[in-house]
Amino acid sequence: MQGIRLRSTTNKEDTFHELIKPINHFNKSASTLLVITTNNHLDVTKQCMRSLSVLEDNLDILFIDDASTDKTVEYIKSHKYSIISNDRPHGLTYSWNLGYQLWKKSDYTNLLIANNDILIPKGAITELNKFLMKYPFVTCMSRLKGVGHCPEQSIEYRFNLTKDEIDFVNDPINYQLVQDNLQILFRDNTQANVHYHVHNRFNGLIFGFRKPGIYKAEYSKGILFDPQNTVVGQEDEVIVRLNHNSIPLTLCRSAFIYHWKSVTIGQSYYLARNNYDAREELSRYHHNLNNNHLQKPTIAFAVSNPKRNPLSGDLFTAKEFAYSLERMLNWNIVYLYRRKNEWYNLTDVDILIVMLDTYNISKIYDNKPTLIT
């Protein structure tokens, strides 16, 4: 799509935003626009962007920032994503309406609006888009702590989980594995009801619309959400119009998005645990190896089978990442080794590095591995 100018959705001023083309790594035109709102909390935005980097969906991505002061805008621009940034705060509803207005003026069929404090696994966007082929509105599941006032949107509520399973879905390190298992569940149980109609509430962690079906629920022409609800109350207010226009609040049970929900210091343990940048981590490790006079070790990169334990990852993307480090760190890299759901003996390997995904390291084994199950 061409860059277009958007009028502000507030009545207090007459502002225009110049928009460059939203990023799309695919050659063909995208039918889905993903709008992600930000307002500070750069740490969680980094996590979100890392999850975006491995998505395989053909979609355009646009960030809308509400006057962040913590280098969020600079970081997003440095990673070549399109962003609209405000010079003063307008509130979340303003960002949602701006994204909606852009989408309505464009050729996109589907719109997904998301917070920045989420992790999006591969497969979840695909499932949401499938639902939007049938329903004009869709949302997804998350963990109970992530859906707040809408517990029926949680995976704990929708499935009879054990305590261990609840602990598992609450750990952000497992977000891709949770999605993988959901897709396996509904693939193998074709009679299972994959959709559910939420009753009178939803959490705005991520939700989607299809045109033109959603137009009849607008607050006013080109504006979906009441601008008077600056930060909260948007979902409750729009639900009244959705119900009035017989638009079902459809929950996609085959899509799981991890939501931090109201990012606080109390979640710093999870953030620290899931905030490894593999290049930085390996560069530090490489420096230590040089100090120990191991100038050119032989490194094996491995990706665990997600059915065996919570180490999920894609074999080929991790492999590409491993080889991209070979020149930079002067290491001998051997291919990822996986066979029949087990790790077999690796000979002539100094170090085994198990990858969580393309950007995250699960564990570094300094000793020669024998058998890891």
Protein backbone atom coordinates (compact mmCIF):
# COMPACT_ATOMS: atom_id res chain seq x y z
CA MET A 1 0.00 0.00 0.00
CA GLN A 2 1.05 3.60 -0.52
CA GLY A 3 1.91 5.87 2.39
CA ILE A 4 -1.16 7.87 3.37
CA ARG A 5 -1.93 10.76 5.70
CA LEU A 6 -4.25 10.13 8.60
CA ARG A 7 -6.30 12.73 10.42
CA SER A 8 -6.20 12.51 14.21
CA THR A 9 -9.20 10.83 15.82
CA THR A 10 -9.38 13.39 18.62
CA ASN A 11 -11.74 16.34 18.39
CA LYS A 12 -9.40 18.72 20.20
CA GLU A 13 -6.91 19.23 17.39
CA ASP A 14 -6.48 18.86 13.68
CA THR A 15 -3.36 16.71 13.28
CA PHE A 16 -2.10 14.58 10.42
CA HIS A 17 0.27 11.62 10.64
CA GLU A 18 2.60 10.77 7.78
CA LEU A 19 2.78 6.98 7.48
CA ILE A 20 5.40 4.97 5.66
CA LYS A 21 4.54 1.56 4.32
CA PRO A 22 4.16 -1.01 7.13
CA ILE A 23 6.88 -3.64 7.05
CA ASN A 24 6.28 -6.84 5.11
CA HIS A 25 9.04 -9.37 4.50
CA PHE A 26 7.05 -11.20 1.84
CA ASN A 27 6.87 -10.48 -1.86
CA LYS A 28 3.11 -10.62 -2.22
CA SER A 29 0.66 -8.11 -0.82
CA ALA A 30 -0.59 -8.86 2.67
CA SER A 31 -4.27 -9.08 3.55
CA THR A 32 -3.69 -8.61 7.29
CA LEU A 33 -2.42 -5.56 9.18
CA LEU A 34 -1.06 -6.13 12.69
CA VAL A 35 -1.06 -2.95 14.81
CA ILE A 36 0.94 -3.07 18.05
CA THR A 37 0.56 -0.29 20.60
CA THR A 38 3.43 0.80 22.83
CA ASN A 39 3.93 3.16 25.74
CA ASN A 40 7.30 2.66 27.45
CA HIS A 41 8.17 -0.80 28.91
CA LEU A 42 10.94 -1.34 26.36
CA ASP A 43 11.89 -4.71 27.89
CA VAL A 44 8.56 -6.29 27.01
CA THR A 45 8.55 -4.62 23.59
CA LYS A 46 11.87 -6.34 22.86
CA GLN A 47 10.34 -9.67 23.86
CA CYS A 48 7.37 -9.05 21.61
CA MET A 49 9.59 -8.14 18.67
CA ARG A 50 11.65 -11.29 19.08
CA SER A 51 8.50 -13.35 18.86
CA LEU A 52 7.50 -11.40 15.72
CA SER A 53 10.81 -12.19 14.05
CA VAL A 54 9.98 -15.89 13.63
CA LEU A 55 6.39 -15.55 12.43
CA GLU A 56 5.67 -17.11 9.06
CA ASP A 57 2.44 -15.24 8.30
CA ASN A 58 2.12 -12.85 5.39
CA LEU A 59 1.15 -9.70 7.26
CA ASP A 60 2.19 -6.07 7.58
CA ILE A 61 3.23 -4.79 11.00
CA LEU A 62 2.82 -1.26 12.31
CA PHE A 63 3.69 0.08 15.76
CA ILE A 64 1.77 3.03 17.23
CA ASP A 65 3.57 4.61 20.17
CA ASP A 66 1.95 6.88 22.74
CA ALA A 67 4.83 9.23 23.63
CA SER A 68 7.28 6.72 25.15
CA THR A 69 10.25 8.22 27.00
CA ASP A 70 12.42 5.10 27.36
CA LYS A 71 13.92 4.76 23.85
CA THR A 72 11.10 2.48 22.68
CA VAL A 73 10.62 4.45 19.45
CA GLU A 74 14.34 4.49 18.67
CA TYR A 75 14.62 0.76 19.28
CA ILE A 76 11.68 -0.08 17.01
CA LYS A 77 13.04 2.16 14.24
CA SER A 78 16.48 0.56 14.57
CA HIS A 79 14.88 -2.79 13.73
CA LYS A 80 13.30 -1.33 10.57
CA TYR A 81 9.70 -1.51 11.70
CA SER A 82 7.22 1.17 10.73
CA ILE A 83 6.01 3.29 13.62
CA ILE A 84 3.74 6.24 14.26
CA SER A 85 4.84 8.13 17.38
CA ASN A 86 3.04 10.88 19.25
CA ASP A 87 4.88 13.80 20.81
CA ARG A 88 2.49 13.79 23.78
CA PRO A 89 0.31 11.07 25.35
CA HIS A 90 -3.19 10.56 23.95
CA GLY A 91 -4.11 7.25 25.58
CA LEU A 92 -4.64 3.69 24.36
CA THR A 93 -8.02 4.35 22.73
CA TYR A 94 -6.45 6.98 20.50
CA SER A 95 -3.88 4.43 19.27
CA TRP A 96 -6.57 1.81 18.64
CA ASN A 97 -8.71 4.26 16.67
CA LEU A 98 -5.71 5.43 14.67
CA GLY A 99 -4.86 1.84 13.71
CA TYR A 100 -8.49 1.18 12.84
CA GLN A 101 -8.67 4.30 10.68
CA LEU A 102 -5.53 3.33 8.79
CA TRP A 103 -6.86 -0.17 8.19
CA LYS A 104 -10.22 1.06 6.95
CA LYS A 105 -8.55 3.39 4.44
CA SER A 106 -6.30 0.58 3.18
CA ASP A 107 -6.69 -2.56 1.09
CA TYR A 108 -6.21 -4.93 4.03
CA THR A 109 -9.04 -7.35 4.76
CA ASN A 110 -8.14 -8.21 8.37
CA LEU A 111 -6.96 -6.04 11.25
CA LEU A 112 -5.28 -7.36 14.40
CA ILE A 113 -4.70 -4.92 17.27
CA ALA A 114 -2.30 -6.00 20.03
CA ASN A 115 -0.59 -4.71 23.13
CA ASN A 116 3.20 -4.76 23.25
CA ASP A 117 3.31 -6.93 26.39
CA ILE A 118 2.65 -10.21 24.57
CA LEU A 119 4.56 -13.11 23.02
CA ILE A 120 3.10 -14.32 19.72
CA PRO A 121 3.97 -17.93 18.81
CA LYS A 122 4.15 -19.26 15.29
CA GLY A 123 0.75 -20.53 14.23
CA ALA A 124 -1.42 -18.26 16.40
CA ILE A 125 -1.87 -15.51 13.78
CA THR A 126 -2.68 -18.17 11.18
CA GLU A 127 -5.45 -19.53 13.41
CA LEU A 128 -6.90 -16.08 14.05
CA ASN A 129 -6.97 -15.32 10.34
CA LYS A 130 -8.80 -18.59 9.69
CA PHE A 131 -11.50 -17.48 12.11
CA LEU A 132 -11.74 -14.06 10.50
CA MET A 133 -12.75 -15.77 7.27
CA LYS A 134 -16.01 -16.68 9.04
CA TYR A 135 -16.45 -14.14 11.86
CA PRO A 136 -16.03 -10.33 11.78
CA PHE A 137 -14.54 -10.29 15.30
CA VAL A 138 -12.11 -12.70 16.96
CA THR A 139 -9.93 -12.92 20.02
CA CYS A 140 -7.67 -15.62 21.45
CA MET A 141 -6.74 -17.45 24.64
CA SER A 142 -4.03 -16.56 27.12
CA ARG A 143 -3.19 -17.63 30.65
CA LEU A 144 -5.59 -16.75 33.45
CA LYS A 145 -3.31 -14.03 34.84
CA GLY A 146 -3.10 -12.55 31.36
CA VAL A 147 -6.82 -12.18 30.63
CA GLY A 148 -7.71 -10.31 33.80
CA HIS A 149 -11.44 -9.54 33.92
CA CYS A 150 -12.28 -12.20 31.31
CA PRO A 151 -11.43 -15.60 32.87
CA GLU A 152 -13.44 -17.53 30.26
CA GLN A 153 -10.79 -16.40 27.76
CA SER A 154 -8.06 -18.27 29.66
CA ILE A 155 -6.62 -21.63 28.71
CA GLU A 156 -7.03 -22.78 32.32
CA TYR A 157 -10.79 -22.09 32.09
CA ARG A 158 -11.27 -23.69 28.68
CA PHE A 159 -9.30 -26.87 29.47
CA ASN A 160 -9.12 -29.03 32.56
CA LEU A 161 -5.45 -28.44 33.36
CA THR A 162 -3.47 -30.05 36.17
CA LYS A 163 -1.36 -27.94 38.51
CA ASP A 164 1.78 -28.85 36.59
CA GLU A 165 0.10 -27.85 33.32
CA ILE A 166 -1.01 -24.54 34.83
CA ASP A 167 2.56 -23.84 35.95
CA PHE A 168 3.71 -24.76 32.46
CA VAL A 169 1.41 -22.32 30.61
CA ASN A 170 2.29 -19.54 33.07
CA ASP A 171 5.99 -19.81 32.26
CA PRO A 172 6.70 -17.59 29.22
CA ILE A 173 9.53 -19.85 28.13
CA ASN A 174 6.87 -22.35 26.99
CA TYR A 175 4.65 -20.06 24.94
CA GLN A 176 5.47 -21.70 21.59
CA LEU A 177 5.03 -25.19 22.96
CA VAL A 178 1.57 -24.31 24.31
CA GLN A 179 0.52 -23.16 20.84
CA ASP A 180 2.03 -26.25 19.20
CA ASN A 181 0.05 -28.53 21.50
CA LEU A 182 -3.19 -26.65 20.87
CA GLN A 183 -2.81 -27.11 17.13
CA ILE A 184 -2.03 -30.80 17.58
CA LEU A 185 -5.08 -31.15 19.84
CA PHE A 186 -7.54 -29.71 17.32
CA ARG A 187 -5.84 -31.41 14.39
CA ASP A 188 -6.15 -34.84 16.00
CA ASN A 189 -9.63 -34.25 17.40
CA THR A 190 -11.60 -32.99 14.46
CA GLN A 191 -14.88 -33.17 16.39
CA ALA A 192 -13.63 -30.78 19.09
CA ASN A 193 -15.26 -27.36 19.04
CA VAL A 194 -12.46 -24.96 18.18
CA HIS A 195 -14.54 -21.82 18.60
CA TYR A 196 -16.41 -20.38 21.54
CA HIS A 197 -18.56 -17.27 21.83
CA VAL A 198 -17.43 -15.13 24.76
CA HIS A 199 -20.18 -13.66 26.91
CA ASN A 200 -20.16 -9.86 27.06
CA ARG A 201 -16.47 -9.25 27.68
CA PHE A 202 -13.01 -9.77 26.20
CA ASN A 203 -9.46 -8.77 27.05
CA GLY A 204 -7.74 -6.39 24.65
CA LEU A 205 -4.37 -8.17 24.66
CA ILE A 206 -4.99 -8.96 20.96
CA PHE A 207 -8.18 -9.00 18.91
CA GLY A 208 -9.09 -8.89 15.25
CA PHE A 209 -11.65 -7.56 12.79
CA ARG A 210 -12.66 -8.32 9.23
CA LYS A 211 -14.00 -5.71 6.83
CA PRO A 212 -16.68 -4.77 6.06
CA GLY A 213 -18.50 -6.80 8.72
CA ILE A 214 -17.25 -4.67 11.61
CA TYR A 215 -18.25 -1.31 10.10
CA LYS A 216 -21.79 -1.43 11.44
CA ALA A 217 -20.47 -1.43 15.01
CA GLU A 218 -18.54 1.85 14.65
CA TYR A 219 -18.89 4.56 17.29
CA SER A 220 -18.96 7.13 14.49
CA LYS A 221 -17.82 7.06 10.87
CA GLY A 222 -14.24 5.80 10.76
CA ILE A 223 -13.97 5.53 14.57
CA LEU A 224 -14.63 2.23 16.32
CA PHE A 225 -13.93 3.06 19.98
CA ASP A 226 -15.42 5.88 22.03
CA PRO A 227 -12.58 8.47 22.33
CA GLN A 228 -13.82 9.47 25.78
CA ASN A 229 -12.55 6.15 27.18
CA THR A 230 -8.96 7.30 27.07
CA VAL A 231 -7.19 4.35 28.71
CA VAL A 232 -9.76 1.87 30.06
CA GLY A 233 -13.33 0.84 29.30
CA GLN A 234 -12.85 0.48 25.53
CA GLU A 235 -13.74 -3.22 25.43
CA ASP A 236 -16.88 -2.90 27.57
CA GLU A 237 -18.19 0.01 25.52
CA VAL A 238 -17.62 -1.54 22.10
CA ILE A 239 -19.22 -4.82 23.23
CA VAL A 240 -22.56 -3.04 23.55
CA ARG A 241 -22.44 -2.10 19.87
CA LEU A 242 -21.15 -5.51 18.82
CA ASN A 243 -24.09 -7.18 20.56
CA HIS A 244 -26.55 -4.63 19.23
CA ASN A 245 -25.41 -5.45 15.69
CA SER A 246 -25.44 -9.23 16.26
CA ILE A 247 -21.66 -9.55 15.91
CA PRO A 248 -20.54 -12.53 18.04
CA LEU A 249 -17.53 -12.20 20.36
CA THR A 250 -15.70 -15.22 18.99
CA LEU A 251 -12.89 -16.87 20.95
CA CYS A 252 -10.41 -18.90 18.89
CA ARG A 253 -9.43 -21.81 21.13
CA SER A 254 -6.64 -22.88 18.78
CA ALA A 255 -4.69 -19.63 19.29
CA PHE A 256 -2.67 -18.89 22.43
CA ILE A 257 -0.91 -15.57 23.03
CA TYR A 258 1.19 -15.13 26.15
CA HIS A 259 0.25 -11.89 27.94
CA TRP A 260 2.35 -10.42 30.73
CA LYS A 261 -0.63 -8.28 31.86
CA SER A 262 0.15 -4.98 33.64
CA VAL A 263 3.92 -5.26 33.56
CA THR A 264 5.36 -4.76 37.05
CA ILE A 265 8.55 -5.39 38.98
CA GLY A 266 6.97 -8.60 40.22
CA GLN A 267 7.41 -10.09 36.76
CA SER A 268 11.09 -9.21 36.49
CA TYR A 269 12.04 -12.83 37.22
CA TYR A 270 10.23 -14.00 34.10
CA LEU A 271 11.58 -11.16 32.01
CA ALA A 272 15.14 -11.83 33.06
CA ARG A 273 14.76 -15.53 32.39
CA ASN A 274 13.35 -14.99 28.92
CA ASN A 275 15.51 -12.04 27.91
CA TYR A 276 18.61 -13.76 26.55
CA ASP A 277 19.90 -12.29 23.34
CA ALA A 278 21.80 -15.22 21.87
CA ARG A 279 24.36 -13.13 20.04
CA GLU A 280 25.27 -11.17 23.15
CA GLU A 281 25.30 -14.33 25.26
CA LEU A 282 27.53 -16.22 22.85
CA SER A 283 29.84 -13.25 22.39
CA ARG A 284 30.43 -13.17 26.13
CA TYR A 285 30.94 -16.92 26.10
CA HIS A 286 33.39 -16.63 23.23
CA HIS A 287 35.41 -14.06 25.18
CA ASN A 288 35.65 -16.47 28.13
CA LEU A 289 36.77 -19.29 25.85
CA ASN A 290 39.56 -17.12 24.44
CA ASN A 291 40.71 -16.34 27.94
CA ASN A 292 40.91 -20.09 28.55
CA HIS A 293 43.00 -20.53 25.37
CA LEU A 294 40.35 -22.57 23.58
CA GLN A 295 40.67 -20.56 20.40
CA LYS A 296 38.45 -22.48 17.99
CA PRO A 297 36.16 -24.97 19.69
CA THR A 298 33.78 -27.24 17.84
CA ILE A 299 30.22 -26.26 18.70
CA ALA A 300 27.06 -28.29 18.19
CA PHE A 301 23.78 -26.39 18.15
CA ALA A 302 20.72 -28.39 19.08
CA VAL A 303 16.99 -27.80 19.13
CA SER A 304 14.96 -30.04 21.39
CA ASN A 305 11.88 -31.87 20.25
CA PRO A 306 8.96 -29.87 21.73
CA LYS A 307 7.02 -33.06 22.46
CA ARG A 308 9.68 -34.21 24.90
CA ASN A 309 10.26 -31.14 27.08
CA PRO A 310 9.77 -27.35 27.15
CA LEU A 311 12.56 -26.56 24.72
CA SER A 312 10.78 -25.60 21.54
CA GLY A 313 12.35 -24.28 18.40
CA ASP A 314 12.57 -24.50 14.68
CA LEU A 315 15.33 -26.73 13.32
CA PHE A 316 16.06 -24.69 10.23
CA THR A 317 15.93 -21.17 11.63
CA ALA A 318 18.18 -22.18 14.52
CA LYS A 319 20.52 -23.87 12.06
CA GLU A 320 20.75 -20.71 9.98
CA PHE A 321 21.43 -18.73 13.13
CA ALA A 322 24.18 -21.13 14.22
CA TYR A 323 25.99 -20.87 10.90
CA SER A 324 25.68 -17.08 10.93
CA LEU A 325 27.87 -17.12 14.05
CA GLU A 326 30.63 -19.21 12.51
CA ARG A 327 32.53 -16.30 10.95
CA MET A 328 31.75 -13.83 13.68
CA LEU A 329 33.08 -16.01 16.49
CA ASN A 330 35.57 -18.17 14.57
CA TRP A 331 33.97 -21.40 15.75
CA ASN A 332 33.67 -24.76 14.08
CA ILE A 333 29.91 -25.25 13.82
CA VAL A 334 28.35 -28.66 13.36
CA TYR A 335 24.76 -29.15 12.27
CA LEU A 336 21.87 -29.52 14.67
CA TYR A 337 21.55 -33.08 15.81
CA ARG A 338 18.12 -34.57 16.41
CA ARG A 339 16.93 -38.11 15.82
CA LYS A 340 13.92 -40.10 17.03
CA ASN A 341 13.12 -37.66 19.84
CA GLU A 342 16.47 -38.26 21.58
CA TRP A 343 19.94 -36.79 21.63
CA TYR A 344 22.58 -39.25 20.51
CA ASN A 345 26.31 -39.25 21.17
CA LEU A 346 28.17 -36.42 19.49
CA THR A 347 31.82 -37.08 18.78
CA ASP A 348 34.53 -34.43 18.47
CA VAL A 349 32.30 -31.78 20.00
CA ASP A 350 33.68 -29.48 22.66
CA ILE A 351 30.45 -27.70 23.53
CA LEU A 352 26.77 -28.41 23.01
CA ILE A 353 24.42 -25.42 22.98
CA VAL A 354 20.72 -26.19 23.27
CA MET A 355 18.54 -23.54 21.69
CA LEU A 356 15.10 -22.58 22.95
CA ASP A 357 14.47 -20.85 19.64
CA THR A 358 16.40 -18.80 17.13
CA TYR A 359 17.24 -16.09 19.65
CA ASN A 360 17.25 -17.82 23.01
CA ILE A 361 19.71 -20.20 24.62
CA SER A 362 18.37 -22.79 27.01
CA LYS A 363 21.62 -24.32 28.24
CA ILE A 364 25.31 -24.52 27.40
CA TYR A 365 27.04 -27.84 28.08
CA ASP A 366 30.76 -27.31 28.57
CA ASN A 367 31.57 -31.01 28.69
CA LYS A 368 31.30 -33.35 25.76
CA PRO A 369 27.72 -34.61 25.68
CA THR A 370 27.03 -38.30 25.85
CA LEU A 371 23.29 -38.88 25.92
CA ILE A 372 20.73 -36.27 26.80
CA THR A 373 17.09 -37.26 27.05
